[in-house]
Amino acid sequence: MTVMLERPTAIDVPSGTARFRALCRTLLDMEVPDGYRAEIIGGNIVMSPWSRGFYLPIMQSLRSQLEPHLPPGHTVDHAPFLFAFPRAERAYGPDVYVAAASAFRTEERYVDGEALSLVAELTSDSTRETDRTDKVSAYGRSGVPVYLLLDMEEQAATVFWRPSERGYDSRLTTPFGEPLGIPEPFGCDLDTSGFKTPAGEPDGAEGR
């Protein structure tokens, strides 16, 4: 599949099936408890805890390492946004993302998932299975060029690329502490030495 980086700028409540549009409206009207975020996964609105404290320096490290290698016109951040994928009937709030800056010139709550050039997810007990299965398929089938999965239980990083209807055709896994090559359109090596769980924290600890 050809990597396309010129993407649409913004969407209202996304297009798609009537069910998906209804879920999008419902999510926006929900009162989500403090400390939780809501996403649309597999035809349901799913709530999961926000990140644990030690995830912040990892997300900041991802942002600072990726920033010098961004595709033209793209920005990297870990601020909370919902990206919509109408064809997959999904709406995700990734931990770290790279997307066309033009996609954020909108007053709407949903950002077009086609604006993304990279997403990164940090797993937890409540999200690990979704991050490893549903999101691999949906991100890949939606054409997101690079998906980076940080498995906090396995203490390993996996990069997926070459999106296709099967999800992704290529993947590479390395344990935390070893460099991981991030493919084009980034073409850089990621230093994962600072991603290990802090001493005294069990792998897969509850919460995000």
C-alpha atoms as a PDB file:
ATOM      1  CA  MET A   1       0.000   0.000   0.000  1.00  0.00           C
ATOM      2  CA  THR A   2       1.312   3.452  -0.905  1.00  0.00           C
ATOM      3  CA  VAL A   3       1.897   5.706   2.103  1.00  0.00           C
ATOM      4  CA  MET A   4      -0.226   8.815   1.700  1.00  0.00           C
ATOM      5  CA  LEU A   5       0.584  11.835   3.849  1.00  0.00           C
ATOM      6  CA  GLU A   6      -1.620  14.481   2.238  1.00  0.00           C
ATOM      7  CA  ARG A   7      -4.756  13.995   4.285  1.00  0.00           C
ATOM      8  CA  PRO A   8      -8.147  15.652   4.780  1.00  0.00           C
ATOM      9  CA  THR A   9      -8.196  18.469   7.301  1.00  0.00           C
ATOM     10  CA  ALA A  10     -11.135  17.849   9.655  1.00  0.00           C
ATOM     11  CA  ILE A  11     -14.491  16.161  10.177  1.00  0.00           C
ATOM     12  CA  ASP A  12     -17.641  16.772  12.223  1.00  0.00           C
ATOM     13  CA  VAL A  13     -19.373  13.768  13.804  1.00  0.00           C
ATOM     14  CA  PRO A  14     -17.853  11.270  11.386  1.00  0.00           C
ATOM     15  CA  SER A  15     -19.490   9.729   8.376  1.00  0.00           C
ATOM     16  CA  GLY A  16     -20.142   6.003   8.332  1.00  0.00           C
ATOM     17  CA  THR A  17     -23.010   3.789   9.350  1.00  0.00           C
ATOM     18  CA  ALA A  18     -25.932   5.136  11.334  1.00  0.00           C
ATOM     19  CA  ARG A  19     -24.797   3.021  14.298  1.00  0.00           C
ATOM     20  CA  PHE A  20     -21.306   4.507  14.247  1.00  0.00           C
ATOM     21  CA  ARG A  21     -22.619   8.082  13.978  1.00  0.00           C
ATOM     22  CA  ALA A  22     -24.960   7.398  16.922  1.00  0.00           C
ATOM     23  CA  LEU A  23     -22.063   6.052  18.990  1.00  0.00           C
ATOM     24  CA  CYS A  24     -20.027   9.161  18.187  1.00  0.00           C
ATOM     25  CA  ARG A  25     -22.854  11.440  19.318  1.00  0.00           C
ATOM     26  CA  THR A  26     -23.405   9.377  22.467  1.00  0.00           C
ATOM     27  CA  LEU A  27     -19.735   9.465  23.393  1.00  0.00           C
ATOM     28  CA  LEU A  28     -19.655  13.263  23.126  1.00  0.00           C
ATOM     29  CA  ASP A  29     -22.710  13.520  25.401  1.00  0.00           C
ATOM     30  CA  MET A  30     -21.382  11.106  28.035  1.00  0.00           C
ATOM     31  CA  GLU A  31     -20.149  12.120  31.456  1.00  0.00           C
ATOM     32  CA  VAL A  32     -16.900  10.194  31.636  1.00  0.00           C
ATOM     33  CA  PRO A  33     -15.689   9.662  35.241  1.00  0.00           C
ATOM     34  CA  ASP A  34     -12.581  11.523  36.309  1.00  0.00           C
ATOM     35  CA  GLY A  35      -9.478   9.536  35.545  1.00  0.00           C
ATOM     36  CA  TYR A  36     -11.019   7.670  32.608  1.00  0.00           C
ATOM     37  CA  ARG A  37     -11.174   8.114  28.861  1.00  0.00           C
ATOM     38  CA  ALA A  38     -13.705   6.735  26.389  1.00  0.00           C
ATOM     39  CA  GLU A  39     -13.104   5.226  22.954  1.00  0.00           C
ATOM     40  CA  ILE A  40     -15.269   3.433  20.385  1.00  0.00           C
ATOM     41  CA  ILE A  41     -14.009  -0.124  19.959  1.00  0.00           C
ATOM     42  CA  GLY A  42     -15.795  -2.987  18.234  1.00  0.00           C
ATOM     43  CA  GLY A  43     -19.198  -1.318  18.174  1.00  0.00           C
ATOM     44  CA  ASN A  44     -19.075  -0.322  21.853  1.00  0.00           C
ATOM     45  CA  ILE A  45     -18.055   2.672  23.924  1.00  0.00           C
ATOM     46  CA  VAL A  46     -15.219   1.463  26.137  1.00  0.00           C
ATOM     47  CA  MET A  47     -13.814   3.349  29.124  1.00  0.00           C
ATOM     48  CA  SER A  48     -10.309   2.772  30.456  1.00  0.00           C
ATOM     49  CA  PRO A  49      -8.142   4.515  33.077  1.00  0.00           C
ATOM     50  CA  TRP A  50      -5.848   7.346  32.047  1.00  0.00           C
ATOM     51  CA  SER A  51      -2.113   6.757  32.102  1.00  0.00           C
ATOM     52  CA  ARG A  52      -0.132   6.106  35.263  1.00  0.00           C
ATOM     53  CA  GLY A  53       2.396   8.734  36.300  1.00  0.00           C
ATOM     54  CA  PHE A  54       5.551   7.056  35.023  1.00  0.00           C
ATOM     55  CA  TYR A  55       4.081   6.885  31.501  1.00  0.00           C
ATOM     56  CA  LEU A  56       4.516  10.645  31.083  1.00  0.00           C
ATOM     57  CA  PRO A  57       8.335  10.696  30.708  1.00  0.00           C
ATOM     58  CA  ILE A  58       8.049   7.799  28.234  1.00  0.00           C
ATOM     59  CA  MET A  59       5.523   9.725  26.135  1.00  0.00           C
ATOM     60  CA  GLN A  60       7.684  12.842  26.375  1.00  0.00           C
ATOM     61  CA  SER A  61      10.701  10.827  25.233  1.00  0.00           C
ATOM     62  CA  LEU A  62       8.767   9.507  22.234  1.00  0.00           C
ATOM     63  CA  ARG A  63       7.731  13.019  21.328  1.00  0.00           C
ATOM     64  CA  SER A  64      11.229  14.498  21.587  1.00  0.00           C
ATOM     65  CA  GLN A  65      12.856  11.629  19.675  1.00  0.00           C
ATOM     66  CA  LEU A  66      10.339  11.693  16.833  1.00  0.00           C
ATOM     67  CA  GLU A  67      10.129  15.476  16.477  1.00  0.00           C
ATOM     68  CA  PRO A  68      13.322  15.934  14.390  1.00  0.00           C
ATOM     69  CA  HIS A  69      12.081  13.297  11.910  1.00  0.00           C
ATOM     70  CA  LEU A  70       8.484  14.375  11.283  1.00  0.00           C
ATOM     71  CA  PRO A  71       7.065  14.375   7.752  1.00  0.00           C
ATOM     72  CA  PRO A  72       6.607  17.925   6.410  1.00  0.00           C
ATOM     73  CA  GLY A  73       3.540  19.639   7.836  1.00  0.00           C
ATOM     74  CA  HIS A  74       3.078  17.104  10.644  1.00  0.00           C
ATOM     75  CA  THR A  75       3.104  17.581  14.406  1.00  0.00           C
ATOM     76  CA  VAL A  76       3.680  15.186  17.327  1.00  0.00           C
ATOM     77  CA  ASP A  77       1.915  15.313  20.688  1.00  0.00           C
ATOM     78  CA  HIS A  78       0.387  13.321  23.527  1.00  0.00           C
ATOM     79  CA  ALA A  79      -2.484  15.679  24.332  1.00  0.00           C
ATOM     80  CA  PRO A  80      -5.832  13.819  24.418  1.00  0.00           C
ATOM     81  CA  PHE A  81      -7.711  13.803  21.101  1.00  0.00           C
ATOM     82  CA  LEU A  82     -10.185  11.390  19.546  1.00  0.00           C
ATOM     83  CA  PHE A  83      -9.288  10.204  16.054  1.00  0.00           C
ATOM     84  CA  ALA A  84     -12.175   8.738  14.044  1.00  0.00           C
ATOM     85  CA  PHE A  85     -12.005   5.805  11.622  1.00  0.00           C
ATOM     86  CA  PRO A  86     -15.503   5.589  10.100  1.00  0.00           C
ATOM     87  CA  ARG A  87     -14.789   2.632   7.794  1.00  0.00           C
ATOM     88  CA  ALA A  88     -13.538   0.591  10.765  1.00  0.00           C
ATOM     89  CA  GLU A  89     -16.242   2.061  13.069  1.00  0.00           C
ATOM     90  CA  ARG A  90     -13.606   3.010  15.595  1.00  0.00           C
ATOM     91  CA  ALA A  91     -12.615   6.181  17.476  1.00  0.00           C
ATOM     92  CA  TYR A  92      -9.337   6.017  19.401  1.00  0.00           C
ATOM     93  CA  GLY A  93      -7.434   8.357  21.682  1.00  0.00           C
ATOM     94  CA  PRO A  94      -3.798   7.253  21.164  1.00  0.00           C
ATOM     95  CA  ASP A  95      -1.156   7.905  23.794  1.00  0.00           C
ATOM     96  CA  VAL A  96       1.214   9.582  21.310  1.00  0.00           C
ATOM     97  CA  TYR A  97       0.480  10.521  17.720  1.00  0.00           C
ATOM     98  CA  VAL A  98       1.978  12.207  14.687  1.00  0.00           C
ATOM     99  CA  ALA A  99      -0.575  13.831  12.392  1.00  0.00           C
ATOM    100  CA  ALA A 100      -0.987  16.547   9.785  1.00  0.00           C
ATOM    101  CA  ALA A 101      -1.124  19.875  11.626  1.00  0.00           C
ATOM    102  CA  SER A 102      -3.938  20.991   9.320  1.00  0.00           C
ATOM    103  CA  ALA A 103      -6.236  18.348  10.856  1.00  0.00           C
ATOM    104  CA  PHE A 104      -6.420  20.348  14.097  1.00  0.00           C
ATOM    105  CA  ARG A 105      -7.658  23.563  12.505  1.00  0.00           C
ATOM    106  CA  THR A 106     -11.205  22.743  13.511  1.00  0.00           C
ATOM    107  CA  GLU A 107     -13.712  23.337  16.304  1.00  0.00           C
ATOM    108  CA  GLU A 108     -14.943  19.745  16.095  1.00  0.00           C
ATOM    109  CA  ARG A 109     -14.245  17.083  18.699  1.00  0.00           C
ATOM    110  CA  TYR A 110     -13.262  14.296  16.293  1.00  0.00           C
ATOM    111  CA  VAL A 111     -10.073  14.468  14.249  1.00  0.00           C
ATOM    112  CA  ASP A 112      -9.852  12.560  10.968  1.00  0.00           C
ATOM    113  CA  GLY A 113      -7.834   9.376  11.492  1.00  0.00           C
ATOM    114  CA  GLU A 114      -6.513   9.693   7.944  1.00  0.00           C
ATOM    115  CA  ALA A 115      -4.396  12.621   9.150  1.00  0.00           C
ATOM    116  CA  LEU A 116      -2.180  10.253  11.164  1.00  0.00           C
ATOM    117  CA  SER A 117       1.301   9.185  10.088  1.00  0.00           C
ATOM    118  CA  LEU A 118       2.181   7.399  13.362  1.00  0.00           C
ATOM    119  CA  VAL A 119       0.414   6.280  16.511  1.00  0.00           C
ATOM    120  CA  ALA A 120       1.959   4.900  19.698  1.00  0.00           C
ATOM    121  CA  GLU A 121       0.138   3.019  22.441  1.00  0.00           C
ATOM    122  CA  LEU A 122       1.433   2.067  25.901  1.00  0.00           C
ATOM    123  CA  THR A 123      -0.338  -1.028  27.209  1.00  0.00           C
ATOM    124  CA  SER A 124      -1.933  -1.643  30.586  1.00  0.00           C
ATOM    125  CA  ASP A 125      -4.003  -4.480  32.047  1.00  0.00           C
ATOM    126  CA  SER A 126      -7.209  -2.846  30.822  1.00  0.00           C
ATOM    127  CA  THR A 127      -6.025  -2.002  27.284  1.00  0.00           C
ATOM    128  CA  ARG A 128      -3.344  -4.566  26.396  1.00  0.00           C
ATOM    129  CA  GLU A 129      -5.510  -6.950  24.392  1.00  0.00           C
ATOM    130  CA  THR A 130      -7.138  -4.131  22.431  1.00  0.00           C
ATOM    131  CA  ASP A 131      -3.776  -2.477  21.741  1.00  0.00           C
ATOM    132  CA  ARG A 132      -2.306  -5.784  20.501  1.00  0.00           C
ATOM    133  CA  THR A 133      -5.228  -6.899  18.335  1.00  0.00           C
ATOM    134  CA  ASP A 134      -8.067  -4.494  17.542  1.00  0.00           C
ATOM    135  CA  LYS A 135      -5.852  -1.456  17.090  1.00  0.00           C
ATOM    136  CA  VAL A 136      -3.262  -3.294  14.992  1.00  0.00           C
ATOM    137  CA  SER A 137      -6.025  -4.268  12.577  1.00  0.00           C
ATOM    138  CA  ALA A 138      -7.886  -0.954  12.561  1.00  0.00           C
ATOM    139  CA  TYR A 139      -4.844   1.301  12.280  1.00  0.00           C
ATOM    140  CA  GLY A 140      -3.382  -0.832   9.507  1.00  0.00           C
ATOM    141  CA  ARG A 141      -6.594  -1.201   7.498  1.00  0.00           C
ATOM    142  CA  SER A 142      -7.133   2.562   7.825  1.00  0.00           C
ATOM    143  CA  GLY A 143      -3.718   3.231   6.281  1.00  0.00           C
ATOM    144  CA  VAL A 144      -1.817   4.663   9.274  1.00  0.00           C
ATOM    145  CA  PRO A 145       1.799   4.275   8.050  1.00  0.00           C
ATOM    146  CA  VAL A 146       3.429   3.351  11.384  1.00  0.00           C
ATOM    147  CA  TYR A 147       2.028   1.864  14.607  1.00  0.00           C
ATOM    148  CA  LEU A 148       4.320   1.672  17.649  1.00  0.00           C
ATOM    149  CA  LEU A 149       3.237  -0.605  20.495  1.00  0.00           C
ATOM    150  CA  LEU A 150       5.006  -0.374  23.854  1.00  0.00           C
ATOM    151  CA  ASP A 151       4.079  -3.518  25.769  1.00  0.00           C
ATOM    152  CA  MET A 152       4.625  -2.550  29.386  1.00  0.00           C
ATOM    153  CA  GLU A 153       4.044  -6.115  30.590  1.00  0.00           C
ATOM    154  CA  GLU A 154       6.520  -7.723  28.193  1.00  0.00           C
ATOM    155  CA  GLN A 155       8.876  -4.711  28.460  1.00  0.00           C
ATOM    156  CA  ALA A 156       9.224  -4.698  24.689  1.00  0.00           C
ATOM    157  CA  ALA A 157       8.525  -2.371  21.773  1.00  0.00           C
ATOM    158  CA  THR A 158       6.994  -3.485  18.480  1.00  0.00           C
ATOM    159  CA  VAL A 159       6.822  -1.339  15.371  1.00  0.00           C
ATOM    160  CA  PHE A 160       4.299  -2.192  12.637  1.00  0.00           C
ATOM    161  CA  TRP A 161       4.497  -0.759   9.114  1.00  0.00           C
ATOM    162  CA  ARG A 162       3.361  -1.380   5.534  1.00  0.00           C
ATOM    163  CA  PRO A 163      -0.388  -1.066   6.252  1.00  0.00           C
ATOM    164  CA  SER A 164      -2.738  -3.383   4.357  1.00  0.00           C
ATOM    165  CA  GLU A 165      -6.208  -4.899   4.549  1.00  0.00           C
ATOM    166  CA  ARG A 166      -4.682  -7.547   6.821  1.00  0.00           C
ATOM    167  CA  GLY A 167      -3.498  -4.889   9.261  1.00  0.00           C
ATOM    168  CA  TYR A 168       0.256  -4.543   8.763  1.00  0.00           C
ATOM    169  CA  ASP A 169       2.528  -6.628   6.566  1.00  0.00           C
ATOM    170  CA  SER A 170       5.748  -5.893   8.502  1.00  0.00           C
ATOM    171  CA  ARG A 171       6.630  -5.829  12.187  1.00  0.00           C
ATOM    172  CA  LEU A 172       9.736  -5.790  14.374  1.00  0.00           C
ATOM    173  CA  THR A 173      10.015  -6.321  18.139  1.00  0.00           C
ATOM    174  CA  THR A 174      12.895  -5.427  20.437  1.00  0.00           C
ATOM    175  CA  PRO A 175      13.175  -5.504  24.263  1.00  0.00           C
ATOM    176  CA  PHE A 176      13.291  -2.227  26.124  1.00  0.00           C
ATOM    177  CA  GLY A 177      16.882  -1.083  26.342  1.00  0.00           C
ATOM    178  CA  GLU A 178      17.752  -1.867  22.716  1.00  0.00           C
ATOM    179  CA  PRO A 179      17.321   0.569  19.800  1.00  0.00           C
ATOM    180  CA  LEU A 180      14.316   0.123  17.504  1.00  0.00           C
ATOM    181  CA  GLY A 181      14.308   1.280  13.903  1.00  0.00           C
ATOM    182  CA  ILE A 182      11.281   3.378  12.973  1.00  0.00           C
ATOM    183  CA  PRO A 183      10.631   3.068   9.229  1.00  0.00           C
ATOM    184  CA  GLU A 184       9.748   5.749   6.703  1.00  0.00           C
ATOM    185  CA  PRO A 185       8.381   8.347   6.621  1.00  0.00           C
ATOM    186  CA  PHE A 186      10.469   8.777   9.814  1.00  0.00           C
ATOM    187  CA  GLY A 187      13.620   6.768   9.142  1.00  0.00           C
ATOM    188  CA  CYS A 188      15.153   6.983  12.619  1.00  0.00           C
ATOM    189  CA  ASP A 189      16.286   4.803  15.516  1.00  0.00           C
ATOM    190  CA  LEU A 190      14.305   4.958  18.746  1.00  0.00           C
ATOM    191  CA  ASP A 191      16.209   4.807  22.050  1.00  0.00           C
ATOM    192  CA  THR A 192      14.078   2.589  24.351  1.00  0.00           C
ATOM    193  CA  SER A 193      16.468   2.548  27.309  1.00  0.00           C
ATOM    194  CA  GLY A 194      14.205   4.835  29.352  1.00  0.00           C
ATOM    195  CA  PHE A 195      11.017   2.839  28.807  1.00  0.00           C
ATOM    196  CA  LYS A 196      11.492   0.173  31.474  1.00  0.00           C
ATOM    197  CA  THR A 197       8.998  -0.089  34.332  1.00  0.00           C
ATOM    198  CA  PRO A 198      10.306   1.691  37.458  1.00  0.00           C
ATOM    199  CA  ALA A 199      11.829  -0.482  40.164  1.00  0.00           C
ATOM    200  CA  GLY A 200       9.142  -1.888  42.436  1.00  0.00           C
ATOM    201  CA  GLU A 201       6.368  -1.619  39.817  1.00  0.00           C
ATOM    202  CA  PRO A 202       5.104  -5.032  38.683  1.00  0.00           C
ATOM    203  CA  ASP A 203       4.758  -5.580  34.945  1.00  0.00           C
ATOM    204  CA  GLY A 204       1.214  -5.001  33.775  1.00  0.00           C
ATOM    205  CA  ALA A 205       0.340  -3.082  36.942  1.00  0.00           C
ATOM    206  CA  GLU A 206      -3.291  -2.051  37.162  1.00  0.00           C
ATOM    207  CA  GLY A 207      -4.177   1.252  35.554  1.00  0.00           C
ATOM    208  CA  ARG A 208      -2.680   3.038  32.628  1.00  0.00           C
END
